[in-house]
Amino acid sequence: MVALTQAEGVSIVHETVYENRFGFTDALIRMGASIQVHRECLGSVPCRFGQRNFLHSAVISGPTQLKGTDIDVPDLRGGFSHLIAALAATGTSRVTGIDIINRGYERFTEKLAGLGADFDISSAK
């Protein structure tokens, strides 16, 4: 979804596996992303969440310039998405809870540095 904030036009993501997958979008919206999350199925086929009260479809409009902000890592996948968004954003982001990502992705800071990412984890807890 982070990549879609940088894509031209409107994109739709329809989650059909995990009912709370879009919890990480709040931080992206605070960063300036244009994301609307819906309870209705916006995919081509209604899914098992269609008659339940889960936010499981998202409309993303882009491109938008993301801005740095303070972010707390909620979980492994959402946290890595936040980290990617922070690296794509202008300004500085402070990401806390990075140990969750560290446990899930082996040597991820070395890999990001190898790609040219500019970050400091000296005060990470």
PDB file of N, CA and C in Angstrom:
ATOM      1  N   MET A   1       0.821  -1.196   0.000  1.00  0.00           N
ATOM      2  CA  MET A   1       0.000   0.000   0.000  1.00  0.00           C
ATOM      3  C   MET A   1       0.863   1.258   0.000  1.00  0.00           C
ATOM      4  N   VAL A   2       2.025   1.194   0.639  1.00  0.00           N
ATOM      5  CA  VAL A   2       2.932   2.349   0.634  1.00  0.00           C
ATOM      6  C   VAL A   2       3.322   2.703  -0.801  1.00  0.00           C
ATOM      7  N   ALA A   3       3.659   1.707  -1.600  1.00  0.00           N
ATOM      8  CA  ALA A   3       4.023   1.952  -2.995  1.00  0.00           C
ATOM      9  C   ALA A   3       2.865   2.597  -3.752  1.00  0.00           C
ATOM     10  N   LEU A   4       1.654   2.195  -3.448  1.00  0.00           N
ATOM     11  CA  LEU A   4       0.485   2.753  -4.139  1.00  0.00           C
ATOM     12  C   LEU A   4       0.272   4.231  -3.814  1.00  0.00           C
ATOM     13  N   THR A   5       0.765   4.701  -2.653  1.00  0.00           N
ATOM     14  CA  THR A   5       0.654   6.135  -2.352  1.00  0.00           C
ATOM     15  C   THR A   5       1.517   6.958  -3.298  1.00  0.00           C
ATOM     16  N   GLN A   6       2.476   6.304  -3.964  1.00  0.00           N
ATOM     17  CA  GLN A   6       3.378   6.995  -4.889  1.00  0.00           C
ATOM     18  C   GLN A   6       3.002   6.768  -6.352  1.00  0.00           C
ATOM     19  N   ALA A   7       2.022   5.917  -6.587  1.00  0.00           N
ATOM     20  CA  ALA A   7       1.589   5.609  -7.954  1.00  0.00           C
ATOM     21  C   ALA A   7       0.605   6.659  -8.457  1.00  0.00           C
ATOM     22  N   GLU A   8       0.594   6.875  -9.740  1.00  0.00           N
ATOM     23  CA  GLU A   8      -0.334   7.811 -10.375  1.00  0.00           C
ATOM     24  C   GLU A   8      -1.726   7.198 -10.436  1.00  0.00           C
ATOM     25  N   GLY A   9      -2.740   7.938  -9.980  1.00  0.00           N
ATOM     26  CA  GLY A   9      -4.123   7.495 -10.110  1.00  0.00           C
ATOM     27  C   GLY A   9      -4.700   6.893  -8.837  1.00  0.00           C
ATOM     28  N   VAL A  10      -5.759   6.122  -9.022  1.00  0.00           N
ATOM     29  CA  VAL A  10      -6.492   5.526  -7.905  1.00  0.00           C
ATOM     30  C   VAL A  10      -6.270   4.020  -7.910  1.00  0.00           C
ATOM     31  N   SER A  11      -5.967   3.479  -6.744  1.00  0.00           N
ATOM     32  CA  SER A  11      -5.764   2.038  -6.587  1.00  0.00           C
ATOM     33  C   SER A  11      -6.717   1.518  -5.522  1.00  0.00           C
ATOM     34  N   ILE A  12      -7.090   0.253  -5.643  1.00  0.00           N
ATOM     35  CA  ILE A  12      -7.954  -0.393  -4.657  1.00  0.00           C
ATOM     36  C   ILE A  12      -7.257  -1.642  -4.145  1.00  0.00           C
ATOM     37  N   VAL A  13      -7.255  -1.796  -2.826  1.00  0.00           N
ATOM     38  CA  VAL A  13      -6.736  -3.002  -2.190  1.00  0.00           C
ATOM     39  C   VAL A  13      -7.905  -3.639  -1.449  1.00  0.00           C
ATOM     40  N   HIS A  14      -8.153  -4.902  -1.732  1.00  0.00           N
ATOM     41  CA  HIS A  14      -9.249  -5.648  -1.106  1.00  0.00           C
ATOM     42  C   HIS A  14      -8.636  -6.812  -0.346  1.00  0.00           C
ATOM     43  N   GLU A  15      -8.610  -6.717   0.972  1.00  0.00           N
ATOM     44  CA  GLU A  15      -8.018  -7.738   1.837  1.00  0.00           C
ATOM     45  C   GLU A  15      -9.022  -8.859   2.061  1.00  0.00           C
ATOM     46  N   THR A  16      -8.598 -10.083   1.835  1.00  0.00           N
ATOM     47  CA  THR A  16      -9.517 -11.217   2.000  1.00  0.00           C
ATOM     48  C   THR A  16      -8.996 -12.270   2.985  1.00  0.00           C
ATOM     49  N   VAL A  17      -7.842 -12.020   3.615  1.00  0.00           N
ATOM     50  CA  VAL A  17      -7.261 -13.032   4.492  1.00  0.00           C
ATOM     51  C   VAL A  17      -7.343 -12.635   5.965  1.00  0.00           C
ATOM     52  N   TYR A  18      -6.874 -11.451   6.298  1.00  0.00           N
ATOM     53  CA  TYR A  18      -6.758 -11.040   7.696  1.00  0.00           C
ATOM     54  C   TYR A  18      -7.672  -9.851   7.963  1.00  0.00           C
ATOM     55  N   GLU A  19      -8.556  -9.982   8.944  1.00  0.00           N
ATOM     56  CA  GLU A  19      -9.599  -8.969   9.149  1.00  0.00           C
ATOM     57  C   GLU A  19      -9.090  -7.622   9.654  1.00  0.00           C
ATOM     58  N   ASN A  20      -7.928  -7.557  10.264  1.00  0.00           N
ATOM     59  CA  ASN A  20      -7.435  -6.283  10.786  1.00  0.00           C
ATOM     60  C   ASN A  20      -6.151  -5.830  10.098  1.00  0.00           C
ATOM     61  N   ARG A  21      -5.992  -6.129   8.864  1.00  0.00           N
ATOM     62  CA  ARG A  21      -4.761  -5.844   8.114  1.00  0.00           C
ATOM     63  C   ARG A  21      -4.507  -4.347   7.946  1.00  0.00           C
ATOM     64  N   PHE A  22      -5.541  -3.533   7.922  1.00  0.00           N
ATOM     65  CA  PHE A  22      -5.363  -2.117   7.579  1.00  0.00           C
ATOM     66  C   PHE A  22      -5.160  -1.199   8.782  1.00  0.00           C
ATOM     67  N   GLY A  23      -4.816  -1.756   9.926  1.00  0.00           N
ATOM     68  CA  GLY A  23      -4.570  -0.929  11.108  1.00  0.00           C
ATOM     69  C   GLY A  23      -3.404   0.026  10.939  1.00  0.00           C
ATOM     70  N   PHE A  24      -2.486  -0.313  10.057  1.00  0.00           N
ATOM     71  CA  PHE A  24      -1.295   0.513   9.861  1.00  0.00           C
ATOM     72  C   PHE A  24      -1.565   1.760   9.024  1.00  0.00           C
ATOM     73  N   THR A  25      -2.754   1.879   8.421  1.00  0.00           N
ATOM     74  CA  THR A  25      -3.013   3.008   7.524  1.00  0.00           C
ATOM     75  C   THR A  25      -3.130   4.343   8.246  1.00  0.00           C
ATOM     76  N   ASP A  26      -3.455   4.337   9.535  1.00  0.00           N
ATOM     77  CA  ASP A  26      -3.567   5.597  10.278  1.00  0.00           C
ATOM     78  C   ASP A  26      -2.271   6.407  10.203  1.00  0.00           C
ATOM     79  N   ALA A  27      -1.138   5.731  10.392  1.00  0.00           N
ATOM     80  CA  ALA A  27       0.147   6.433  10.329  1.00  0.00           C
ATOM     81  C   ALA A  27       0.414   6.961   8.924  1.00  0.00           C
ATOM     82  N   LEU A  28       0.048   6.184   7.909  1.00  0.00           N
ATOM     83  CA  LEU A  28       0.253   6.648   6.523  1.00  0.00           C
ATOM     84  C   LEU A  28      -0.590   7.888   6.246  1.00  0.00           C
ATOM     85  N   ILE A  29      -1.804   7.911   6.751  1.00  0.00           N
ATOM     86  CA  ILE A  29      -2.675   9.081   6.573  1.00  0.00           C
ATOM     87  C   ILE A  29      -2.082  10.291   7.289  1.00  0.00           C
ATOM     88  N   ARG A  30      -1.539  10.090   8.500  1.00  0.00           N
ATOM     89  CA  ARG A  30      -0.875  11.193   9.212  1.00  0.00           C
ATOM     90  C   ARG A  30       0.322  11.711   8.426  1.00  0.00           C
ATOM     91  N   MET A  31       0.926  10.849   7.623  1.00  0.00           N
ATOM     92  CA  MET A  31       2.078  11.248   6.808  1.00  0.00           C
ATOM     93  C   MET A  31       1.646  11.962   5.525  1.00  0.00           C
ATOM     94  N   GLY A  32       0.351  12.022   5.271  1.00  0.00           N
ATOM     95  CA  GLY A  32      -0.148  12.742   4.102  1.00  0.00           C
ATOM     96  C   GLY A  32      -0.733  11.863   3.016  1.00  0.00           C
ATOM     97  N   ALA A  33      -0.746  10.545   3.221  1.00  0.00           N
ATOM     98  CA  ALA A  33      -1.304   9.643   2.204  1.00  0.00           C
ATOM     99  C   ALA A  33      -2.812   9.840   2.094  1.00  0.00           C
ATOM    100  N   SER A  34      -3.318   9.686   0.886  1.00  0.00           N
ATOM    101  CA  SER A  34      -4.757   9.778   0.638  1.00  0.00           C
ATOM    102  C   SER A  34      -5.308   8.352   0.580  1.00  0.00           C
ATOM    103  N   ILE A  35      -5.790   7.871   1.732  1.00  0.00           N
ATOM    104  CA  ILE A  35      -6.298   6.506   1.850  1.00  0.00           C
ATOM    105  C   ILE A  35      -7.657   6.553   2.537  1.00  0.00           C
ATOM    106  N   GLN A  36      -8.618   5.888   1.923  1.00  0.00           N
ATOM    107  CA  GLN A  36      -9.944   5.728   2.534  1.00  0.00           C
ATOM    108  C   GLN A  36     -10.168   4.235   2.732  1.00  0.00           C
ATOM    109  N   VAL A  37     -10.518   3.846   3.956  1.00  0.00           N
ATOM    110  CA  VAL A  37     -10.728   2.438   4.272  1.00  0.00           C
ATOM    111  C   VAL A  37     -12.223   2.191   4.427  1.00  0.00           C
ATOM    112  N   HIS A  38     -12.693   1.073   3.861  1.00  0.00           N
ATOM    113  CA  HIS A  38     -14.127   0.776   3.808  1.00  0.00           C
ATOM    114  C   HIS A  38     -14.451  -0.607   4.360  1.00  0.00           C
ATOM    115  N   ARG A  39     -15.690  -0.758   4.828  1.00  0.00           N
ATOM    116  CA  ARG A  39     -16.193  -2.052   5.282  1.00  0.00           C
ATOM    117  C   ARG A  39     -16.772  -2.870   4.132  1.00  0.00           C
ATOM    118  N   GLU A  40     -17.107  -2.227   3.040  1.00  0.00           N
ATOM    119  CA  GLU A  40     -17.698  -2.904   1.891  1.00  0.00           C
ATOM    120  C   GLU A  40     -16.610  -3.567   1.051  1.00  0.00           C
ATOM    121  N   CYS A  41     -16.978  -4.637   0.374  1.00  0.00           N
ATOM    122  CA  CYS A  41     -16.061  -5.285  -0.562  1.00  0.00           C
ATOM    123  C   CYS A  41     -15.927  -4.399  -1.797  1.00  0.00           C
ATOM    124  N   LEU A  42     -14.729  -3.948  -2.060  1.00  0.00           N
ATOM    125  CA  LEU A  42     -14.481  -3.161  -3.263  1.00  0.00           C
ATOM    126  C   LEU A  42     -13.760  -3.984  -4.315  1.00  0.00           C
ATOM    127  N   GLY A  43     -13.514  -5.239  -4.030  1.00  0.00           N
ATOM    128  CA  GLY A  43     -12.921  -6.141  -5.005  1.00  0.00           C
ATOM    129  C   GLY A  43     -13.991  -6.625  -5.966  1.00  0.00           C
ATOM    130  N   SER A  44     -13.581  -7.340  -6.982  1.00  0.00           N
ATOM    131  CA  SER A  44     -14.529  -7.803  -7.990  1.00  0.00           C
ATOM    132  C   SER A  44     -15.430  -8.929  -7.484  1.00  0.00           C
ATOM    133  N   VAL A  45     -15.003  -9.614  -6.428  1.00  0.00           N
ATOM    134  CA  VAL A  45     -15.792 -10.712  -5.873  1.00  0.00           C
ATOM    135  C   VAL A  45     -15.998 -10.452  -4.384  1.00  0.00           C
ATOM    136  N   PRO A  46     -17.237 -10.497  -3.901  1.00  0.00           N
ATOM    137  CA  PRO A  46     -17.461 -10.340  -2.457  1.00  0.00           C
ATOM    138  C   PRO A  46     -16.701 -11.414  -1.682  1.00  0.00           C
ATOM    139  N   CYS A  47     -16.200 -11.065  -0.514  1.00  0.00           N
ATOM    140  CA  CYS A  47     -15.395 -11.994   0.272  1.00  0.00           C
ATOM    141  C   CYS A  47     -16.074 -12.321   1.595  1.00  0.00           C
ATOM    142  N   ARG A  48     -15.400 -13.102   2.405  1.00  0.00           N
ATOM    143  CA  ARG A  48     -15.960 -13.539   3.685  1.00  0.00           C
ATOM    144  C   ARG A  48     -16.148 -12.401   4.674  1.00  0.00           C
ATOM    145  N   PHE A  49     -15.518 -11.255   4.437  1.00  0.00           N
ATOM    146  CA  PHE A  49     -15.685 -10.111   5.319  1.00  0.00           C
ATOM    147  C   PHE A  49     -16.846  -9.218   4.897  1.00  0.00           C
ATOM    148  N   GLY A  50     -17.447  -9.487   3.765  1.00  0.00           N
ATOM    149  CA  GLY A  50     -18.464  -8.613   3.186  1.00  0.00           C
ATOM    150  C   GLY A  50     -19.646  -8.316   4.072  1.00  0.00           C
ATOM    151  N   GLN A  51     -20.079  -9.256   4.861  1.00  0.00           N
ATOM    152  CA  GLN A  51     -21.234  -9.042   5.723  1.00  0.00           C
ATOM    153  C   GLN A  51     -20.836  -8.811   7.171  1.00  0.00           C
ATOM    154  N   ARG A  52     -19.568  -8.584   7.406  1.00  0.00           N
ATOM    155  CA  ARG A  52     -19.073  -8.363   8.758  1.00  0.00           C
ATOM    156  C   ARG A  52     -18.556  -6.936   8.873  1.00  0.00           C
ATOM    157  N   ASN A  53     -18.224  -6.529  10.056  1.00  0.00           N
ATOM    158  CA  ASN A  53     -17.891  -5.128  10.311  1.00  0.00           C
ATOM    159  C   ASN A  53     -16.383  -4.872  10.308  1.00  0.00           C
ATOM    160  N   PHE A  54     -15.663  -5.398   9.327  1.00  0.00           N
ATOM    161  CA  PHE A  54     -14.223  -5.222   9.257  1.00  0.00           C
ATOM    162  C   PHE A  54     -13.858  -4.245   8.145  1.00  0.00           C
ATOM    163  N   LEU A  55     -12.919  -3.348   8.448  1.00  0.00           N
ATOM    164  CA  LEU A  55     -12.374  -2.465   7.422  1.00  0.00           C
ATOM    165  C   LEU A  55     -11.418  -3.302   6.587  1.00  0.00           C
ATOM    166  N   HIS A  56     -11.839  -3.640   5.352  1.00  0.00           N
ATOM    167  CA  HIS A  56     -11.034  -4.570   4.571  1.00  0.00           C
ATOM    168  C   HIS A  56     -10.856  -4.186   3.099  1.00  0.00           C
ATOM    169  N   SER A  57     -11.310  -3.018   2.723  1.00  0.00           N
ATOM    170  CA  SER A  57     -11.063  -2.491   1.376  1.00  0.00           C
ATOM    171  C   SER A  57     -10.522  -1.073   1.524  1.00  0.00           C
ATOM    172  N   ALA A  58      -9.557  -0.742   0.690  1.00  0.00           N
ATOM    173  CA  ALA A  58      -8.959   0.590   0.773  1.00  0.00           C
ATOM    174  C   ALA A  58      -8.841   1.197  -0.619  1.00  0.00           C
ATOM    175  N   VAL A  59      -9.069   2.503  -0.693  1.00  0.00           N
ATOM    176  CA  VAL A  59      -8.893   3.275  -1.915  1.00  0.00           C
ATOM    177  C   VAL A  59      -7.732   4.229  -1.661  1.00  0.00           C
ATOM    178  N   ILE A  60      -6.723   4.131  -2.505  1.00  0.00           N
ATOM    179  CA  ILE A  60      -5.520   4.933  -2.360  1.00  0.00           C
ATOM    180  C   ILE A  60      -5.392   5.827  -3.592  1.00  0.00           C
ATOM    181  N   SER A  61      -5.261   7.137  -3.376  1.00  0.00           N
ATOM    182  CA  SER A  61      -5.077   8.082  -4.477  1.00  0.00           C
ATOM    183  C   SER A  61      -3.653   8.610  -4.431  1.00  0.00           C
ATOM    184  N   GLY A  62      -3.032   8.681  -5.586  1.00  0.00           N
ATOM    185  CA  GLY A  62      -1.650   9.124  -5.589  1.00  0.00           C
ATOM    186  C   GLY A  62      -1.292   9.817  -6.883  1.00  0.00           C
ATOM    187  N   PRO A  63      -0.118  10.293  -6.961  1.00  0.00           N
ATOM    188  CA  PRO A  63       0.883  10.217  -5.909  1.00  0.00           C
ATOM    189  C   PRO A  63       0.706  11.316  -4.863  1.00  0.00           C
ATOM    190  N   THR A  64       1.126  11.027  -3.648  1.00  0.00           N
ATOM    191  CA  THR A  64       1.141  12.024  -2.581  1.00  0.00           C
ATOM    192  C   THR A  64       2.536  12.064  -1.976  1.00  0.00           C
ATOM    193  N   GLN A  65       2.965  13.251  -1.601  1.00  0.00           N
ATOM    194  CA  GLN A  65       4.262  13.402  -0.947  1.00  0.00           C
ATOM    195  C   GLN A  65       4.085  13.090   0.532  1.00  0.00           C
ATOM    196  N   LEU A  66       4.715  12.042   1.004  1.00  0.00           N
ATOM    197  CA  LEU A  66       4.633  11.684   2.411  1.00  0.00           C
ATOM    198  C   LEU A  66       5.551  12.592   3.213  1.00  0.00           C
ATOM    199  N   LYS A  67       5.124  12.912   4.441  1.00  0.00           N
ATOM    200  CA  LYS A  67       5.900  13.775   5.328  1.00  0.00           C
ATOM    201  C   LYS A  67       6.289  12.980   6.570  1.00  0.00           C
ATOM    202  N   GLY A  68       7.487  13.237   7.073  1.00  0.00           N
ATOM    203  CA  GLY A  68       7.967  12.542   8.262  1.00  0.00           C
ATOM    204  C   GLY A  68       7.076  12.800   9.469  1.00  0.00           C
ATOM    205  N   THR A  69       6.966  11.810  10.324  1.00  0.00           N
ATOM    206  CA  THR A  69       6.174  11.925  11.549  1.00  0.00           C
ATOM    207  C   THR A  69       6.660  10.895  12.558  1.00  0.00           C
ATOM    208  N   ASP A  70       6.140  10.929  13.759  1.00  0.00           N
ATOM    209  CA  ASP A  70       6.447   9.916  14.767  1.00  0.00           C
ATOM    210  C   ASP A  70       5.535   8.717  14.553  1.00  0.00           C
ATOM    211  N   ILE A  71       6.133   7.537  14.549  1.00  0.00           N
ATOM    212  CA  ILE A  71       5.395   6.307  14.265  1.00  0.00           C
ATOM    213  C   ILE A  71       5.765   5.260  15.307  1.00  0.00           C
ATOM    214  N   ASP A  72       4.767   4.540  15.801  1.00  0.00           N
ATOM    215  CA  ASP A  72       5.005   3.403  16.685  1.00  0.00           C
ATOM    216  C   ASP A  72       4.675   2.131  15.909  1.00  0.00           C
ATOM    217  N   VAL A  73       5.622   1.217  15.823  1.00  0.00           N
ATOM    218  CA  VAL A  73       5.449  -0.015  15.064  1.00  0.00           C
ATOM    219  C   VAL A  73       4.362  -0.872  15.711  1.00  0.00           C
ATOM    220  N   PRO A  74       3.283  -1.182  14.973  1.00  0.00           N
ATOM    221  CA  PRO A  74       2.181  -1.957  15.552  1.00  0.00           C
ATOM    222  C   PRO A  74       2.408  -3.466  15.493  1.00  0.00           C
ATOM    223  N   ASP A  75       3.051  -3.929  14.440  1.00  0.00           N
ATOM    224  CA  ASP A  75       3.279  -5.355  14.221  1.00  0.00           C
ATOM    225  C   ASP A  75       4.342  -5.486  13.142  1.00  0.00           C
ATOM    226  N   LEU A  76       4.700  -6.707  12.816  1.00  0.00           N
ATOM    227  CA  LEU A  76       5.800  -6.930  11.876  1.00  0.00           C
ATOM    228  C   LEU A  76       5.541  -6.333  10.493  1.00  0.00           C
ATOM    229  N   ARG A  77       4.465  -6.737   9.845  1.00  0.00           N
ATOM    230  CA  ARG A  77       4.213  -6.278   8.468  1.00  0.00           C
ATOM    231  C   ARG A  77       3.850  -4.802   8.420  1.00  0.00           C
ATOM    232  N   GLY A  78       2.970  -4.377   9.304  1.00  0.00           N
ATOM    233  CA  GLY A  78       2.610  -2.966   9.353  1.00  0.00           C
ATOM    234  C   GLY A  78       3.803  -2.095   9.701  1.00  0.00           C
ATOM    235  N   GLY A  79       4.631  -2.584  10.614  1.00  0.00           N
ATOM    236  CA  GLY A  79       5.815  -1.838  11.016  1.00  0.00           C
ATOM    237  C   GLY A  79       6.807  -1.667   9.883  1.00  0.00           C
ATOM    238  N   PHE A  80       6.999  -2.723   9.108  1.00  0.00           N
ATOM    239  CA  PHE A  80       7.918  -2.605   7.973  1.00  0.00           C
ATOM    240  C   PHE A  80       7.342  -1.645   6.935  1.00  0.00           C
ATOM    241  N   SER A  81       6.035  -1.663   6.761  1.00  0.00           N
ATOM    242  CA  SER A  81       5.390  -0.695   5.864  1.00  0.00           C
ATOM    243  C   SER A  81       5.622   0.729   6.351  1.00  0.00           C
ATOM    244  N   HIS A  82       5.513   0.942   7.663  1.00  0.00           N
ATOM    245  CA  HIS A  82       5.779   2.265   8.222  1.00  0.00           C
ATOM    246  C   HIS A  82       7.218   2.682   7.965  1.00  0.00           C
ATOM    247  N   LEU A  83       8.126   1.743   8.128  1.00  0.00           N
ATOM    248  CA  LEU A  83       9.533   2.054   7.914  1.00  0.00           C
ATOM    249  C   LEU A  83       9.801   2.443   6.460  1.00  0.00           C
ATOM    250  N   ILE A  84       9.214   1.731   5.531  1.00  0.00           N
ATOM    251  CA  ILE A  84       9.361   2.071   4.111  1.00  0.00           C
ATOM    252  C   ILE A  84       8.771   3.454   3.833  1.00  0.00           C
ATOM    253  N   ALA A  85       7.610   3.736   4.416  1.00  0.00           N
ATOM    254  CA  ALA A  85       6.989   5.057   4.235  1.00  0.00           C
ATOM    255  C   ALA A  85       7.880   6.150   4.816  1.00  0.00           C
ATOM    256  N   ALA A  86       8.474   5.898   5.976  1.00  0.00           N
ATOM    257  CA  ALA A  86       9.353   6.894   6.599  1.00  0.00           C
ATOM    258  C   ALA A  86      10.566   7.168   5.720  1.00  0.00           C
ATOM    259  N   LEU A  87      11.090   6.130   5.091  1.00  0.00           N
ATOM    260  CA  LEU A  87      12.239   6.316   4.200  1.00  0.00           C
ATOM    261  C   LEU A  87      11.866   7.076   2.932  1.00  0.00           C
ATOM    262  N   ALA A  88      10.618   6.946   2.493  1.00  0.00           N
ATOM    263  CA  ALA A  88      10.154   7.645   1.290  1.00  0.00           C
ATOM    264  C   ALA A  88       9.715   9.073   1.582  1.00  0.00           C
ATOM    265  N   ALA A  89       9.500   9.384   2.844  1.00  0.00           N
ATOM    266  CA  ALA A  89       8.955  10.693   3.227  1.00  0.00           C
ATOM    267  C   ALA A  89      10.013  11.783   3.216  1.00  0.00           C
ATOM    268  N   THR A  90       9.537  13.017   3.060  1.00  0.00           N
ATOM    269  CA  THR A  90      10.420  14.164   3.251  1.00  0.00           C
ATOM    270  C   THR A  90      10.457  14.454   4.749  1.00  0.00           C
ATOM    271  N   GLY A  91      11.545  15.033   5.203  1.00  0.00           N
ATOM    272  CA  GLY A  91      11.657  15.331   6.621  1.00  0.00           C
ATOM    273  C   GLY A  91      12.103  14.111   7.404  1.00  0.00           C
ATOM    274  N   THR A  92      11.997  14.219   8.708  1.00  0.00           N
ATOM    275  CA  THR A  92      12.473  13.177   9.601  1.00  0.00           C
ATOM    276  C   THR A  92      11.312  12.463  10.263  1.00  0.00           C
ATOM    277  N   SER A  93      11.407  11.150  10.308  1.00  0.00           N
ATOM    278  CA  SER A  93      10.438  10.334  11.045  1.00  0.00           C
ATOM    279  C   SER A  93      11.157   9.692  12.215  1.00  0.00           C
ATOM    280  N   ARG A  94      10.440   9.546  13.303  1.00  0.00           N
ATOM    281  CA  ARG A  94      10.966   8.810  14.447  1.00  0.00           C
ATOM    282  C   ARG A  94      10.112   7.565  14.612  1.00  0.00           C
ATOM    283  N   VAL A  95      10.731   6.407  14.455  1.00  0.00           N
ATOM    284  CA  VAL A  95      10.016   5.137  14.497  1.00  0.00           C
ATOM    285  C   VAL A  95      10.404   4.411  15.778  1.00  0.00           C
ATOM    286  N   THR A  96       9.419   4.147  16.638  1.00  0.00           N
ATOM    287  CA  THR A  96       9.661   3.403  17.871  1.00  0.00           C
ATOM    288  C   THR A  96       9.083   2.002  17.738  1.00  0.00           C
ATOM    289  N   GLY A  97       9.622   1.086  18.517  1.00  0.00           N
ATOM    290  CA  GLY A  97       9.182  -0.301  18.463  1.00  0.00           C
ATOM    291  C   GLY A  97       9.847  -1.081  17.356  1.00  0.00           C
ATOM    292  N   ILE A  98      10.996  -0.594  16.904  1.00  0.00           N
ATOM    293  CA  ILE A  98      11.677  -1.202  15.757  1.00  0.00           C
ATOM    294  C   ILE A  98      12.172  -2.614  16.063  1.00  0.00           C
ATOM    295  N   ASP A  99      12.246  -2.975  17.353  1.00  0.00           N
ATOM    296  CA  ASP A  99      12.684  -4.321  17.718  1.00  0.00           C
ATOM    297  C   ASP A  99      11.745  -5.391  17.164  1.00  0.00           C
ATOM    298  N   ILE A 100      10.493  -5.054  16.965  1.00  0.00           N
ATOM    299  CA  ILE A 100       9.541  -5.994  16.358  1.00  0.00           C
ATOM    300  C   ILE A 100       9.992  -6.343  14.938  1.00  0.00           C
ATOM    301  N   ILE A 101      10.419  -5.331  14.191  1.00  0.00           N
ATOM    302  CA  ILE A 101      10.897  -5.566  12.824  1.00  0.00           C
ATOM    303  C   ILE A 101      12.211  -6.343  12.863  1.00  0.00           C
ATOM    304  N   ASN A 102      13.065  -5.979  13.785  1.00  0.00           N
ATOM    305  CA  ASN A 102      14.361  -6.635  13.904  1.00  0.00           C
ATOM    306  C   ASN A 102      14.221  -8.140  14.157  1.00  0.00           C
ATOM    307  N   ARG A 103      13.215  -8.543  14.914  1.00  0.00           N
ATOM    308  CA  ARG A 103      12.999  -9.967  15.184  1.00  0.00           C
ATOM    309  C   ARG A 103      12.450 -10.703  13.962  1.00  0.00           C
ATOM    310  N   GLY A 104      11.763  -9.994  13.075  1.00  0.00           N
ATOM    311  CA  GLY A 104      11.110 -10.646  11.949  1.00  0.00           C
ATOM    312  C   GLY A 104      11.895 -10.658  10.652  1.00  0.00           C
ATOM    313  N   TYR A 105      12.840  -9.733  10.499  1.00  0.00           N
ATOM    314  CA  TYR A 105      13.611  -9.636   9.259  1.00  0.00           C
ATOM    315  C   TYR A 105      15.092  -9.627   9.600  1.00  0.00           C
ATOM    316  N   GLU A 106      15.782 -10.657   9.205  1.00  0.00           N
ATOM    317  CA  GLU A 106      17.199 -10.810   9.509  1.00  0.00           C
ATOM    318  C   GLU A 106      18.030  -9.715   8.848  1.00  0.00           C
ATOM    319  N   ARG A 107      18.848  -9.029   9.658  1.00  0.00           N
ATOM    320  CA  ARG A 107      19.784  -7.994   9.190  1.00  0.00           C
ATOM    321  C   ARG A 107      19.111  -6.939   8.304  1.00  0.00           C
ATOM    322  N   PHE A 108      17.883  -6.567   8.627  1.00  0.00           N
ATOM    323  CA  PHE A 108      17.163  -5.632   7.755  1.00  0.00           C
ATOM    324  C   PHE A 108      17.825  -4.260   7.700  1.00  0.00           C
ATOM    325  N   THR A 109      18.464  -3.820   8.794  1.00  0.00           N
ATOM    326  CA  THR A 109      19.103  -2.499   8.750  1.00  0.00           C
ATOM    327  C   THR A 109      20.296  -2.503   7.803  1.00  0.00           C
ATOM    328  N   GLU A 110      21.040  -3.608   7.782  1.00  0.00           N
ATOM    329  CA  GLU A 110      22.169  -3.718   6.850  1.00  0.00           C
ATOM    330  C   GLU A 110      21.675  -3.707   5.407  1.00  0.00           C
ATOM    331  N   LYS A 111      20.584  -4.384   5.165  1.00  0.00           N
ATOM    332  CA  LYS A 111      20.030  -4.450   3.806  1.00  0.00           C
ATOM    333  C   LYS A 111      19.517  -3.077   3.358  1.00  0.00           C
ATOM    334  N   LEU A 112      18.843  -2.363   4.268  1.00  0.00           N
ATOM    335  CA  LEU A 112      18.361  -1.023   3.921  1.00  0.00           C
ATOM    336  C   LEU A 112      19.531  -0.068   3.678  1.00  0.00           C
ATOM    337  N   ALA A 113      20.550  -0.168   4.514  1.00  0.00           N
ATOM    338  CA  ALA A 113      21.731   0.679   4.323  1.00  0.00           C
ATOM    339  C   ALA A 113      22.387   0.373   2.977  1.00  0.00           C
ATOM    340  N   GLY A 114      22.405  -0.889   2.584  1.00  0.00           N
ATOM    341  CA  GLY A 114      22.968  -1.281   1.295  1.00  0.00           C
ATOM    342  C   GLY A 114      22.211  -0.691   0.120  1.00  0.00           C
ATOM    343  N   LEU A 115      20.932  -0.361   0.350  1.00  0.00           N
ATOM    344  CA  LEU A 115      20.125   0.276  -0.684  1.00  0.00           C
ATOM    345  C   LEU A 115      20.224   1.800  -0.652  1.00  0.00           C
ATOM    346  N   GLY A 116      20.998   2.321   0.310  1.00  0.00           N
ATOM    347  CA  GLY A 116      21.192   3.764   0.395  1.00  0.00           C
ATOM    348  C   GLY A 116      20.281   4.475   1.382  1.00  0.00           C
ATOM    349  N   ALA A 117      19.581   3.736   2.234  1.00  0.00           N
ATOM    350  CA  ALA A 117      18.679   4.356   3.220  1.00  0.00           C
ATOM    351  C   ALA A 117      19.478   5.163   4.232  1.00  0.00           C
ATOM    352  N   ASP A 118      18.952   6.312   4.597  1.00  0.00           N
ATOM    353  CA  ASP A 118      19.578   7.198   5.568  1.00  0.00           C
ATOM    354  C   ASP A 118      18.796   7.113   6.855  1.00  0.00           C
ATOM    355  N   PHE A 119      19.362   6.436   7.865  1.00  0.00           N
ATOM    356  CA  PHE A 119      18.658   6.287   9.148  1.00  0.00           C
ATOM    357  C   PHE A 119      19.665   6.133  10.277  1.00  0.00           C
ATOM    358  N   ASP A 120      19.165   6.334  11.498  1.00  0.00           N
ATOM    359  CA  ASP A 120      19.995   6.187  12.696  1.00  0.00           C
ATOM    360  C   ASP A 120      19.178   5.378  13.692  1.00  0.00           C
ATOM    361  N   ILE A 121      19.651   4.218  14.052  1.00  0.00           N
ATOM    362  CA  ILE A 121      18.923   3.402  15.031  1.00  0.00           C
ATOM    363  C   ILE A 121      19.665   3.352  16.365  1.00  0.00           C
ATOM    364  N   SER A 122      20.552   4.305  16.589  1.00  0.00           N
ATOM    365  CA  SER A 122      21.354   4.293  17.804  1.00  0.00           C
ATOM    366  C   SER A 122      20.509   4.395  19.063  1.00  0.00           C
ATOM    367  N   SER A 123      19.360   5.039  18.988  1.00  0.00           N
ATOM    368  CA  SER A 123      18.512   5.179  20.170  1.00  0.00           C
ATOM    369  C   SER A 123      17.295   4.256  20.110  1.00  0.00           C
ATOM    370  N   ALA A 124      17.278   3.324  19.167  1.00  0.00           N
ATOM    371  CA  ALA A 124      16.150   2.401  19.036  1.00  0.00           C
ATOM    372  C   ALA A 124      16.126   1.460  20.221  1.00  0.00           C
ATOM    373  N   LYS A 125      14.891   1.158  20.653  1.00  0.00           N
ATOM    374  CA  LYS A 125      14.716   0.239  21.786  1.00  0.00           C
ATOM    375  C   LYS A 125      13.903  -0.941  21.360  1.00  0.00           C
TER     376      LYS A 125
END
